[in-house]
Amino acid sequence: MKKFVKLGICAVLMIALCISVVGCGKSGDKAEKFKVGMECGYPPFNWTQLDNSNGAVPIAGSKEFAGGYDVEIAKKLAEGMGKELVIVKTKWDGLTPAVQSGTIDGIIAGMSPMADRRLTLDFSDYYYSSDLVIVVKKGSKYEKATSLKDFSGAKITAQQNTFHYTVIDQIPYVKKQTAMADFPAMRVSLESGIIDGYVSEKPEGVSATSANAKFGMAEFAKGQGFEFTADDIAISVGIKKGNTELLNDINQVLAGISQEQRDELMKNAILNQPASQ
């Protein structure tokens, strides 16, 4: 009788152990995911494509894939932290709420750590820094512009809720247009002549001119362009305020990515971007 009792107790213990292991496994799986939000529509930083070529990553809940510089940085971060990368395609205005609600763990979407954003998000060290340009039509009078004064009277816009849109006010006598939702929309408006140009970071400008032979890019002489701070033109990972453990882990991995590696990743992103974007 005692033998059967012992066997019964052992069986119960084994079942409990299995339940515990399964439960821990589920919890561990969840903890090991690094959920990253991005628009998947801002080449060369991030874009959407139909296959996994050039290292693209599946977009959660779809049959599409995300590629670009941000994706490559996200891959390095996930690998460095020993986590599984999950890309969550999210509209620009939905990125911050998504972090705050826990839908995503971080924003890797060409986002600058500006002072107003630091009120609602914590930011990592920079993972890229650039300059501001204006993307214009090739052959237009604005293509050879070297100062903001050259855009006097021009119809200029930028993406909504970005620093890019605020600096338009620095252009004398500019005809500031309504902000647009994303870069594909601005490219369409530029090609159709609705606008004369849009403000962008230089990598996006290079991306736009590479993808469309009808586009040019105006760069400015020293002291003749936009005024901005280092935070305004830098790009960082945005995370939920107070998540110091994740922030420290991200910064530790970023510290191991050299400037040469970052430049190479951006070069490849520009080369690999889909022609349609």
C-alpha atoms as a PDB file:
ATOM      1  CA  MET A   1       0.000   0.000   0.000  1.00  0.00           C
ATOM      2  CA  LYS A   2       2.788   2.367   0.913  1.00  0.00           C
ATOM      3  CA  LYS A   3       4.400   1.663  -2.437  1.00  0.00           C
ATOM      4  CA  PHE A   4       1.254   2.765  -4.290  1.00  0.00           C
ATOM      5  CA  VAL A   5       0.979   5.880  -2.128  1.00  0.00           C
ATOM      6  CA  LYS A   6       4.580   6.804  -2.930  1.00  0.00           C
ATOM      7  CA  LEU A   7       3.966   6.236  -6.618  1.00  0.00           C
ATOM      8  CA  GLY A   8       0.864   8.409  -6.443  1.00  0.00           C
ATOM      9  CA  ILE A   9       2.752  11.203  -4.730  1.00  0.00           C
ATOM     10  CA  CYS A  10       5.552  10.959  -7.280  1.00  0.00           C
ATOM     11  CA  ALA A  11       3.040  11.177 -10.129  1.00  0.00           C
ATOM     12  CA  VAL A  12       1.443  14.275  -8.632  1.00  0.00           C
ATOM     13  CA  LEU A  13       4.851  15.865  -8.157  1.00  0.00           C
ATOM     14  CA  MET A  14       5.837  15.069 -11.739  1.00  0.00           C
ATOM     15  CA  ILE A  15       2.626  16.627 -13.085  1.00  0.00           C
ATOM     16  CA  ALA A  16       3.158  19.716 -10.957  1.00  0.00           C
ATOM     17  CA  LEU A  17       6.741  19.945 -12.204  1.00  0.00           C
ATOM     18  CA  CYS A  18       5.630  19.681 -15.822  1.00  0.00           C
ATOM     19  CA  ILE A  19       3.014  22.399 -15.322  1.00  0.00           C
ATOM     20  CA  SER A  20       5.642  24.563 -13.685  1.00  0.00           C
ATOM     21  CA  VAL A  21       8.103  24.031 -16.532  1.00  0.00           C
ATOM     22  CA  VAL A  22       5.470  24.737 -19.187  1.00  0.00           C
ATOM     23  CA  GLY A  23       4.351  27.844 -17.326  1.00  0.00           C
ATOM     24  CA  CYS A  24       7.910  29.068 -16.983  1.00  0.00           C
ATOM     25  CA  GLY A  25       8.521  28.330 -20.647  1.00  0.00           C
ATOM     26  CA  LYS A  26       5.641  30.556 -21.707  1.00  0.00           C
ATOM     27  CA  SER A  27       6.770  33.322 -19.435  1.00  0.00           C
ATOM     28  CA  GLY A  28      10.349  32.940 -20.654  1.00  0.00           C
ATOM     29  CA  ASP A  29       9.273  33.033 -24.300  1.00  0.00           C
ATOM     30  CA  LYS A  30       7.465  36.297 -23.679  1.00  0.00           C
ATOM     31  CA  ALA A  31      10.414  37.813 -21.832  1.00  0.00           C
ATOM     32  CA  GLU A  32      12.820  36.792 -24.574  1.00  0.00           C
ATOM     33  CA  LYS A  33      10.997  38.754 -27.288  1.00  0.00           C
ATOM     34  CA  PHE A  34      12.164  42.235 -28.240  1.00  0.00           C
ATOM     35  CA  LYS A  35       9.135  43.912 -29.810  1.00  0.00           C
ATOM     36  CA  VAL A  36      10.145  46.867 -31.950  1.00  0.00           C
ATOM     37  CA  GLY A  37       7.804  49.408 -33.507  1.00  0.00           C
ATOM     38  CA  MET A  38       8.478  51.262 -36.762  1.00  0.00           C
ATOM     39  CA  GLU A  39       6.495  52.689 -39.688  1.00  0.00           C
ATOM     40  CA  CYS A  40       8.057  50.375 -42.271  1.00  0.00           C
ATOM     41  CA  GLY A  41       7.689  53.274 -44.702  1.00  0.00           C
ATOM     42  CA  TYR A  42      10.714  55.531 -44.188  1.00  0.00           C
ATOM     43  CA  PRO A  43      13.561  54.320 -46.426  1.00  0.00           C
ATOM     44  CA  PRO A  44      16.457  53.913 -45.984  1.00  0.00           C
ATOM     45  CA  PHE A  45      15.698  53.654 -42.266  1.00  0.00           C
ATOM     46  CA  ASN A  46      12.792  51.241 -42.609  1.00  0.00           C
ATOM     47  CA  TRP A  47      10.491  49.962 -45.328  1.00  0.00           C
ATOM     48  CA  THR A  48       8.070  47.175 -46.289  1.00  0.00           C
ATOM     49  CA  GLN A  49       8.872  44.444 -48.829  1.00  0.00           C
ATOM     50  CA  LEU A  50       7.308  41.168 -49.941  1.00  0.00           C
ATOM     51  CA  ASP A  51      10.129  38.735 -49.130  1.00  0.00           C
ATOM     52  CA  ASN A  52      13.038  38.214 -46.747  1.00  0.00           C
ATOM     53  CA  SER A  53      15.773  39.240 -49.192  1.00  0.00           C
ATOM     54  CA  ASN A  54      18.715  41.300 -47.914  1.00  0.00           C
ATOM     55  CA  GLY A  55      18.066  40.291 -44.334  1.00  0.00           C
ATOM     56  CA  ALA A  56      14.481  41.572 -44.067  1.00  0.00           C
ATOM     57  CA  VAL A  57      12.489  40.464 -41.010  1.00  0.00           C
ATOM     58  CA  PRO A  58       8.840  39.299 -40.929  1.00  0.00           C
ATOM     59  CA  ILE A  59       6.323  41.925 -39.846  1.00  0.00           C
ATOM     60  CA  ALA A  60       4.141  40.583 -37.045  1.00  0.00           C
ATOM     61  CA  GLY A  61       0.600  39.695 -38.102  1.00  0.00           C
ATOM     62  CA  SER A  62       1.256  39.981 -41.831  1.00  0.00           C
ATOM     63  CA  LYS A  63       2.891  38.235 -44.777  1.00  0.00           C
ATOM     64  CA  GLU A  64       5.179  41.210 -45.388  1.00  0.00           C
ATOM     65  CA  PHE A  65       8.752  41.889 -44.307  1.00  0.00           C
ATOM     66  CA  ALA A  66      10.597  44.913 -42.942  1.00  0.00           C
ATOM     67  CA  GLY A  67      14.022  45.990 -44.144  1.00  0.00           C
ATOM     68  CA  GLY A  68      16.307  48.970 -43.710  1.00  0.00           C
ATOM     69  CA  TYR A  69      18.858  50.546 -41.396  1.00  0.00           C
ATOM     70  CA  ASP A  70      16.543  50.516 -38.375  1.00  0.00           C
ATOM     71  CA  VAL A  71      15.869  46.819 -38.915  1.00  0.00           C
ATOM     72  CA  GLU A  72      19.588  46.048 -39.009  1.00  0.00           C
ATOM     73  CA  ILE A  73      20.135  47.960 -35.769  1.00  0.00           C
ATOM     74  CA  ALA A  74      17.168  46.166 -34.205  1.00  0.00           C
ATOM     75  CA  LYS A  75      18.646  42.816 -35.254  1.00  0.00           C
ATOM     76  CA  LYS A  76      21.964  43.643 -33.627  1.00  0.00           C
ATOM     77  CA  LEU A  77      20.255  44.766 -30.432  1.00  0.00           C
ATOM     78  CA  ALA A  78      18.099  41.652 -30.218  1.00  0.00           C
ATOM     79  CA  GLU A  79      21.083  39.399 -30.845  1.00  0.00           C
ATOM     80  CA  GLY A  80      23.228  41.255 -28.322  1.00  0.00           C
ATOM     81  CA  MET A  81      20.531  40.969 -25.655  1.00  0.00           C
ATOM     82  CA  GLY A  82      19.791  37.320 -26.473  1.00  0.00           C
ATOM     83  CA  LYS A  83      16.198  38.041 -27.474  1.00  0.00           C
ATOM     84  CA  GLU A  84      13.952  37.223 -30.421  1.00  0.00           C
ATOM     85  CA  LEU A  85      13.231  40.234 -32.620  1.00  0.00           C
ATOM     86  CA  VAL A  86       9.600  41.001 -33.450  1.00  0.00           C
ATOM     87  CA  ILE A  87       8.810  43.878 -35.820  1.00  0.00           C
ATOM     88  CA  VAL A  88       5.463  45.583 -35.220  1.00  0.00           C
ATOM     89  CA  LYS A  89       4.390  47.865 -38.072  1.00  0.00           C
ATOM     90  CA  THR A  90       3.009  51.006 -36.423  1.00  0.00           C
ATOM     91  CA  LYS A  91       1.972  54.428 -37.716  1.00  0.00           C
ATOM     92  CA  TRP A  92       4.213  57.291 -36.600  1.00  0.00           C
ATOM     93  CA  ASP A  93       1.669  58.843 -34.250  1.00  0.00           C
ATOM     94  CA  GLY A  94       0.990  55.452 -32.685  1.00  0.00           C
ATOM     95  CA  LEU A  95       4.586  54.631 -31.755  1.00  0.00           C
ATOM     96  CA  THR A  96       4.759  56.440 -28.410  1.00  0.00           C
ATOM     97  CA  PRO A  97       1.352  55.149 -27.198  1.00  0.00           C
ATOM     98  CA  ALA A  98       2.413  51.633 -28.246  1.00  0.00           C
ATOM     99  CA  VAL A  99       5.486  51.800 -25.999  1.00  0.00           C
ATOM    100  CA  GLN A 100       3.551  53.247 -23.111  1.00  0.00           C
ATOM    101  CA  SER A 101       0.882  50.539 -23.349  1.00  0.00           C
ATOM    102  CA  GLY A 102       3.443  47.732 -23.651  1.00  0.00           C
ATOM    103  CA  THR A 103       2.397  46.731 -27.161  1.00  0.00           C
ATOM    104  CA  ILE A 104       6.032  47.230 -28.151  1.00  0.00           C
ATOM    105  CA  ASP A 105       9.230  47.373 -26.109  1.00  0.00           C
ATOM    106  CA  GLY A 106      11.025  49.998 -28.145  1.00  0.00           C
ATOM    107  CA  ILE A 107      10.814  52.447 -31.022  1.00  0.00           C
ATOM    108  CA  ILE A 108      13.512  52.074 -33.671  1.00  0.00           C
ATOM    109  CA  ALA A 109      12.096  54.288 -36.371  1.00  0.00           C
ATOM    110  CA  GLY A 110      14.438  57.136 -37.180  1.00  0.00           C
ATOM    111  CA  MET A 111      13.149  58.976 -34.091  1.00  0.00           C
ATOM    112  CA  SER A 112      15.108  61.902 -32.669  1.00  0.00           C
ATOM    113  CA  PRO A 113      15.366  62.220 -28.853  1.00  0.00           C
ATOM    114  CA  MET A 114      14.089  65.802 -28.782  1.00  0.00           C
ATOM    115  CA  ALA A 115      13.354  67.573 -25.507  1.00  0.00           C
ATOM    116  CA  ASP A 116       9.568  67.307 -25.797  1.00  0.00           C
ATOM    117  CA  ARG A 117       9.748  63.569 -26.519  1.00  0.00           C
ATOM    118  CA  ARG A 118      11.956  63.034 -23.470  1.00  0.00           C
ATOM    119  CA  LEU A 119       8.963  64.064 -21.364  1.00  0.00           C
ATOM    120  CA  THR A 120       7.131  60.855 -22.309  1.00  0.00           C
ATOM    121  CA  LEU A 121       9.925  58.485 -23.371  1.00  0.00           C
ATOM    122  CA  ASP A 122      13.423  57.478 -22.315  1.00  0.00           C
ATOM    123  CA  PHE A 123      16.006  57.363 -25.086  1.00  0.00           C
ATOM    124  CA  SER A 124      19.133  55.335 -25.722  1.00  0.00           C
ATOM    125  CA  ASP A 125      22.462  56.704 -26.853  1.00  0.00           C
ATOM    126  CA  TYR A 126      22.469  57.817 -30.505  1.00  0.00           C
ATOM    127  CA  TYR A 127      22.616  55.086 -33.121  1.00  0.00           C
ATOM    128  CA  TYR A 128      22.830  57.507 -36.053  1.00  0.00           C
ATOM    129  CA  SER A 129      23.293  61.221 -36.655  1.00  0.00           C
ATOM    130  CA  SER A 130      22.782  63.163 -39.849  1.00  0.00           C
ATOM    131  CA  ASP A 131      22.048  66.591 -41.341  1.00  0.00           C
ATOM    132  CA  LEU A 132      18.898  68.215 -42.694  1.00  0.00           C
ATOM    133  CA  VAL A 133      18.280  68.676 -46.417  1.00  0.00           C
ATOM    134  CA  ILE A 134      15.342  69.555 -48.644  1.00  0.00           C
ATOM    135  CA  VAL A 135      14.291  67.039 -51.285  1.00  0.00           C
ATOM    136  CA  VAL A 136      13.209  68.825 -54.483  1.00  0.00           C
ATOM    137  CA  LYS A 137      12.454  68.127 -58.129  1.00  0.00           C
ATOM    138  CA  LYS A 138      15.532  67.537 -60.243  1.00  0.00           C
ATOM    139  CA  GLY A 139      16.137  70.431 -62.599  1.00  0.00           C
ATOM    140  CA  SER A 140      14.041  72.861 -60.550  1.00  0.00           C
ATOM    141  CA  LYS A 141      15.463  76.204 -59.464  1.00  0.00           C
ATOM    142  CA  TYR A 142      15.712  74.840 -55.930  1.00  0.00           C
ATOM    143  CA  GLU A 143      18.066  71.970 -56.722  1.00  0.00           C
ATOM    144  CA  LYS A 144      21.152  74.201 -56.659  1.00  0.00           C
ATOM    145  CA  ALA A 145      20.072  76.028 -53.500  1.00  0.00           C
ATOM    146  CA  THR A 146      22.831  76.573 -50.948  1.00  0.00           C
ATOM    147  CA  SER A 147      20.960  78.652 -48.353  1.00  0.00           C
ATOM    148  CA  LEU A 148      17.513  78.835 -46.809  1.00  0.00           C
ATOM    149  CA  LYS A 149      17.003  82.199 -48.540  1.00  0.00           C
ATOM    150  CA  ASP A 150      16.982  80.355 -51.858  1.00  0.00           C
ATOM    151  CA  PHE A 151      13.674  78.747 -50.804  1.00  0.00           C
ATOM    152  CA  SER A 152      11.879  82.045 -50.302  1.00  0.00           C
ATOM    153  CA  GLY A 153       8.337  81.626 -51.675  1.00  0.00           C
ATOM    154  CA  ALA A 154       8.680  77.857 -52.055  1.00  0.00           C
ATOM    155  CA  LYS A 155       5.940  75.417 -51.042  1.00  0.00           C
ATOM    156  CA  ILE A 156       7.636  73.264 -48.410  1.00  0.00           C
ATOM    157  CA  THR A 157       6.314  70.599 -46.058  1.00  0.00           C
ATOM    158  CA  ALA A 158       7.536  67.773 -43.786  1.00  0.00           C
ATOM    159  CA  GLN A 159       6.153  64.828 -41.866  1.00  0.00           C
ATOM    160  CA  GLN A 160       3.597  65.658 -39.202  1.00  0.00           C
ATOM    161  CA  ASN A 161       4.656  65.707 -35.549  1.00  0.00           C
ATOM    162  CA  THR A 162       8.353  65.891 -36.383  1.00  0.00           C
ATOM    163  CA  PHE A 163      11.149  68.376 -35.818  1.00  0.00           C
ATOM    164  CA  HIS A 164      11.455  68.611 -39.608  1.00  0.00           C
ATOM    165  CA  TYR A 165       8.120  70.409 -39.812  1.00  0.00           C
ATOM    166  CA  THR A 166       9.036  73.031 -37.189  1.00  0.00           C
ATOM    167  CA  VAL A 167      12.267  74.119 -38.915  1.00  0.00           C
ATOM    168  CA  ILE A 168      10.358  75.166 -42.037  1.00  0.00           C
ATOM    169  CA  ASP A 169       9.602  78.391 -40.158  1.00  0.00           C
ATOM    170  CA  GLN A 170      13.296  79.279 -40.450  1.00  0.00           C
ATOM    171  CA  ILE A 171      12.922  79.722 -44.217  1.00  0.00           C
ATOM    172  CA  PRO A 172      12.170  83.393 -45.042  1.00  0.00           C
ATOM    173  CA  TYR A 173       8.828  83.976 -46.768  1.00  0.00           C
ATOM    174  CA  VAL A 174       8.247  80.265 -47.166  1.00  0.00           C
ATOM    175  CA  LYS A 175       4.835  78.939 -48.158  1.00  0.00           C
ATOM    176  CA  LYS A 176       4.556  76.334 -45.438  1.00  0.00           C
ATOM    177  CA  GLN A 177       2.261  73.520 -46.513  1.00  0.00           C
ATOM    178  CA  THR A 178       0.149  71.187 -44.382  1.00  0.00           C
ATOM    179  CA  ALA A 179       2.235  68.485 -42.736  1.00  0.00           C
ATOM    180  CA  MET A 180       1.915  65.027 -44.278  1.00  0.00           C
ATOM    181  CA  ALA A 181       1.477  61.614 -42.705  1.00  0.00           C
ATOM    182  CA  ASP A 182       4.539  59.892 -44.147  1.00  0.00           C
ATOM    183  CA  PHE A 183       7.387  60.082 -46.652  1.00  0.00           C
ATOM    184  CA  PRO A 184       5.712  58.108 -49.454  1.00  0.00           C
ATOM    185  CA  ALA A 185       2.941  60.720 -49.444  1.00  0.00           C
ATOM    186  CA  MET A 186       5.463  63.557 -49.637  1.00  0.00           C
ATOM    187  CA  ARG A 187       7.311  61.920 -52.514  1.00  0.00           C
ATOM    188  CA  VAL A 188       4.068  61.588 -54.460  1.00  0.00           C
ATOM    189  CA  SER A 189       3.199  65.232 -53.772  1.00  0.00           C
ATOM    190  CA  LEU A 190       6.657  66.369 -54.869  1.00  0.00           C
ATOM    191  CA  GLU A 191       6.562  64.412 -58.107  1.00  0.00           C
ATOM    192  CA  SER A 192       3.093  65.734 -58.941  1.00  0.00           C
ATOM    193  CA  GLY A 193       4.116  69.338 -58.269  1.00  0.00           C
ATOM    194  CA  ILE A 194       1.834  69.922 -55.287  1.00  0.00           C
ATOM    195  CA  ILE A 195       4.869  70.925 -53.246  1.00  0.00           C
ATOM    196  CA  ASP A 196       8.303  72.287 -54.200  1.00  0.00           C
ATOM    197  CA  GLY A 197      10.137  70.252 -51.587  1.00  0.00           C
ATOM    198  CA  TYR A 198      10.096  68.544 -48.213  1.00  0.00           C
ATOM    199  CA  VAL A 199      12.506  68.627 -45.267  1.00  0.00           C
ATOM    200  CA  SER A 200      14.294  65.391 -44.509  1.00  0.00           C
ATOM    201  CA  GLU A 201      17.422  63.850 -43.056  1.00  0.00           C
ATOM    202  CA  LYS A 202      20.225  63.397 -45.584  1.00  0.00           C
ATOM    203  CA  PRO A 203      20.002  59.554 -45.729  1.00  0.00           C
ATOM    204  CA  GLU A 204      16.339  59.793 -46.709  1.00  0.00           C
ATOM    205  CA  GLY A 205      17.272  62.418 -49.283  1.00  0.00           C
ATOM    206  CA  VAL A 206      19.900  60.113 -50.761  1.00  0.00           C
ATOM    207  CA  SER A 207      17.327  57.330 -50.686  1.00  0.00           C
ATOM    208  CA  ALA A 208      14.732  59.458 -52.489  1.00  0.00           C
ATOM    209  CA  THR A 209      17.119  60.591 -55.233  1.00  0.00           C
ATOM    210  CA  SER A 210      18.389  57.028 -55.696  1.00  0.00           C
ATOM    211  CA  ALA A 211      14.878  55.639 -56.024  1.00  0.00           C
ATOM    212  CA  ASN A 212      13.535  58.354 -58.326  1.00  0.00           C
ATOM    213  CA  ALA A 213      15.601  60.035 -61.065  1.00  0.00           C
ATOM    214  CA  LYS A 214      13.159  62.968 -60.991  1.00  0.00           C
ATOM    215  CA  PHE A 215      14.282  63.995 -57.504  1.00  0.00           C
ATOM    216  CA  GLY A 216      17.189  66.142 -56.413  1.00  0.00           C
ATOM    217  CA  MET A 217      18.479  67.197 -52.997  1.00  0.00           C
ATOM    218  CA  ALA A 218      19.414  70.648 -51.747  1.00  0.00           C
ATOM    219  CA  GLU A 219      22.249  70.752 -49.227  1.00  0.00           C
ATOM    220  CA  PHE A 220      23.303  73.936 -47.484  1.00  0.00           C
ATOM    221  CA  ALA A 221      26.593  75.750 -47.079  1.00  0.00           C
ATOM    222  CA  LYS A 222      27.931  76.054 -43.538  1.00  0.00           C
ATOM    223  CA  GLY A 223      25.892  78.560 -41.576  1.00  0.00           C
ATOM    224  CA  GLN A 224      23.300  78.867 -44.353  1.00  0.00           C
ATOM    225  CA  GLY A 225      21.066  75.934 -43.410  1.00  0.00           C
ATOM    226  CA  PHE A 226      18.722  75.039 -40.584  1.00  0.00           C
ATOM    227  CA  GLU A 227      19.588  75.656 -36.945  1.00  0.00           C
ATOM    228  CA  PHE A 228      19.229  72.639 -34.654  1.00  0.00           C
ATOM    229  CA  THR A 229      20.672  70.850 -31.631  1.00  0.00           C
ATOM    230  CA  ALA A 230      22.538  67.529 -31.578  1.00  0.00           C
ATOM    231  CA  ASP A 231      19.396  65.776 -30.301  1.00  0.00           C
ATOM    232  CA  ASP A 232      17.349  67.196 -33.170  1.00  0.00           C
ATOM    233  CA  ILE A 233      19.383  65.459 -35.862  1.00  0.00           C
ATOM    234  CA  ALA A 234      20.337  62.322 -33.938  1.00  0.00           C
ATOM    235  CA  ILE A 235      18.403  59.057 -33.841  1.00  0.00           C
ATOM    236  CA  SER A 236      17.890  56.938 -30.730  1.00  0.00           C
ATOM    237  CA  VAL A 237      15.842  54.008 -29.477  1.00  0.00           C
ATOM    238  CA  GLY A 238      12.760  55.159 -27.580  1.00  0.00           C
ATOM    239  CA  ILE A 239      11.536  53.057 -24.647  1.00  0.00           C
ATOM    240  CA  LYS A 240       9.043  53.326 -21.811  1.00  0.00           C
ATOM    241  CA  LYS A 241      10.066  55.750 -19.086  1.00  0.00           C
ATOM    242  CA  GLY A 242      11.710  54.088 -16.112  1.00  0.00           C
ATOM    243  CA  ASN A 243      12.747  50.893 -17.905  1.00  0.00           C
ATOM    244  CA  THR A 244      16.402  51.349 -16.926  1.00  0.00           C
ATOM    245  CA  GLU A 245      17.295  47.671 -17.322  1.00  0.00           C
ATOM    246  CA  LEU A 246      16.324  47.619 -20.989  1.00  0.00           C
ATOM    247  CA  LEU A 247      17.910  51.031 -21.548  1.00  0.00           C
ATOM    248  CA  ASN A 248      21.225  49.868 -20.093  1.00  0.00           C
ATOM    249  CA  ASP A 249      21.148  46.654 -22.141  1.00  0.00           C
ATOM    250  CA  ILE A 250      20.492  48.598 -25.356  1.00  0.00           C
ATOM    251  CA  ASN A 251      23.269  51.105 -24.670  1.00  0.00           C
ATOM    252  CA  GLN A 252      25.708  48.306 -23.913  1.00  0.00           C
ATOM    253  CA  VAL A 253      25.041  46.681 -27.304  1.00  0.00           C
ATOM    254  CA  LEU A 254      25.145  50.014 -29.163  1.00  0.00           C
ATOM    255  CA  ALA A 255      28.557  50.753 -27.631  1.00  0.00           C
ATOM    256  CA  GLY A 256      29.883  47.686 -29.417  1.00  0.00           C
ATOM    257  CA  ILE A 257      28.781  48.846 -32.889  1.00  0.00           C
ATOM    258  CA  SER A 258      31.553  50.918 -34.442  1.00  0.00           C
ATOM    259  CA  GLN A 259      30.984  53.993 -36.599  1.00  0.00           C
ATOM    260  CA  GLU A 260      32.404  52.075 -39.548  1.00  0.00           C
ATOM    261  CA  GLN A 261      29.795  49.358 -39.052  1.00  0.00           C
ATOM    262  CA  ARG A 262      27.016  51.922 -38.812  1.00  0.00           C
ATOM    263  CA  ASP A 263      28.156  53.652 -41.995  1.00  0.00           C
ATOM    264  CA  GLU A 264      28.299  50.318 -43.805  1.00  0.00           C
ATOM    265  CA  LEU A 265      24.790  49.398 -42.633  1.00  0.00           C
ATOM    266  CA  MET A 266      23.456  52.717 -43.936  1.00  0.00           C
ATOM    267  CA  LYS A 267      25.281  52.311 -47.252  1.00  0.00           C
ATOM    268  CA  ASN A 268      23.750  48.864 -47.719  1.00  0.00           C
ATOM    269  CA  ALA A 269      20.295  50.096 -46.697  1.00  0.00           C
ATOM    270  CA  ILE A 270      20.386  52.761 -49.405  1.00  0.00           C
ATOM    271  CA  LEU A 271      21.495  50.200 -51.970  1.00  0.00           C
ATOM    272  CA  ASN A 272      18.902  47.602 -50.948  1.00  0.00           C
ATOM    273  CA  GLN A 273      15.818  49.811 -50.649  1.00  0.00           C
ATOM    274  CA  PRO A 274      12.921  48.801 -52.946  1.00  0.00           C
ATOM    275  CA  ALA A 275      12.707  50.955 -56.068  1.00  0.00           C
ATOM    276  CA  SER A 276       9.019  51.605 -55.332  1.00  0.00           C
ATOM    277  CA  GLN A 277       9.770  53.308 -52.026  1.00  0.00           C
END
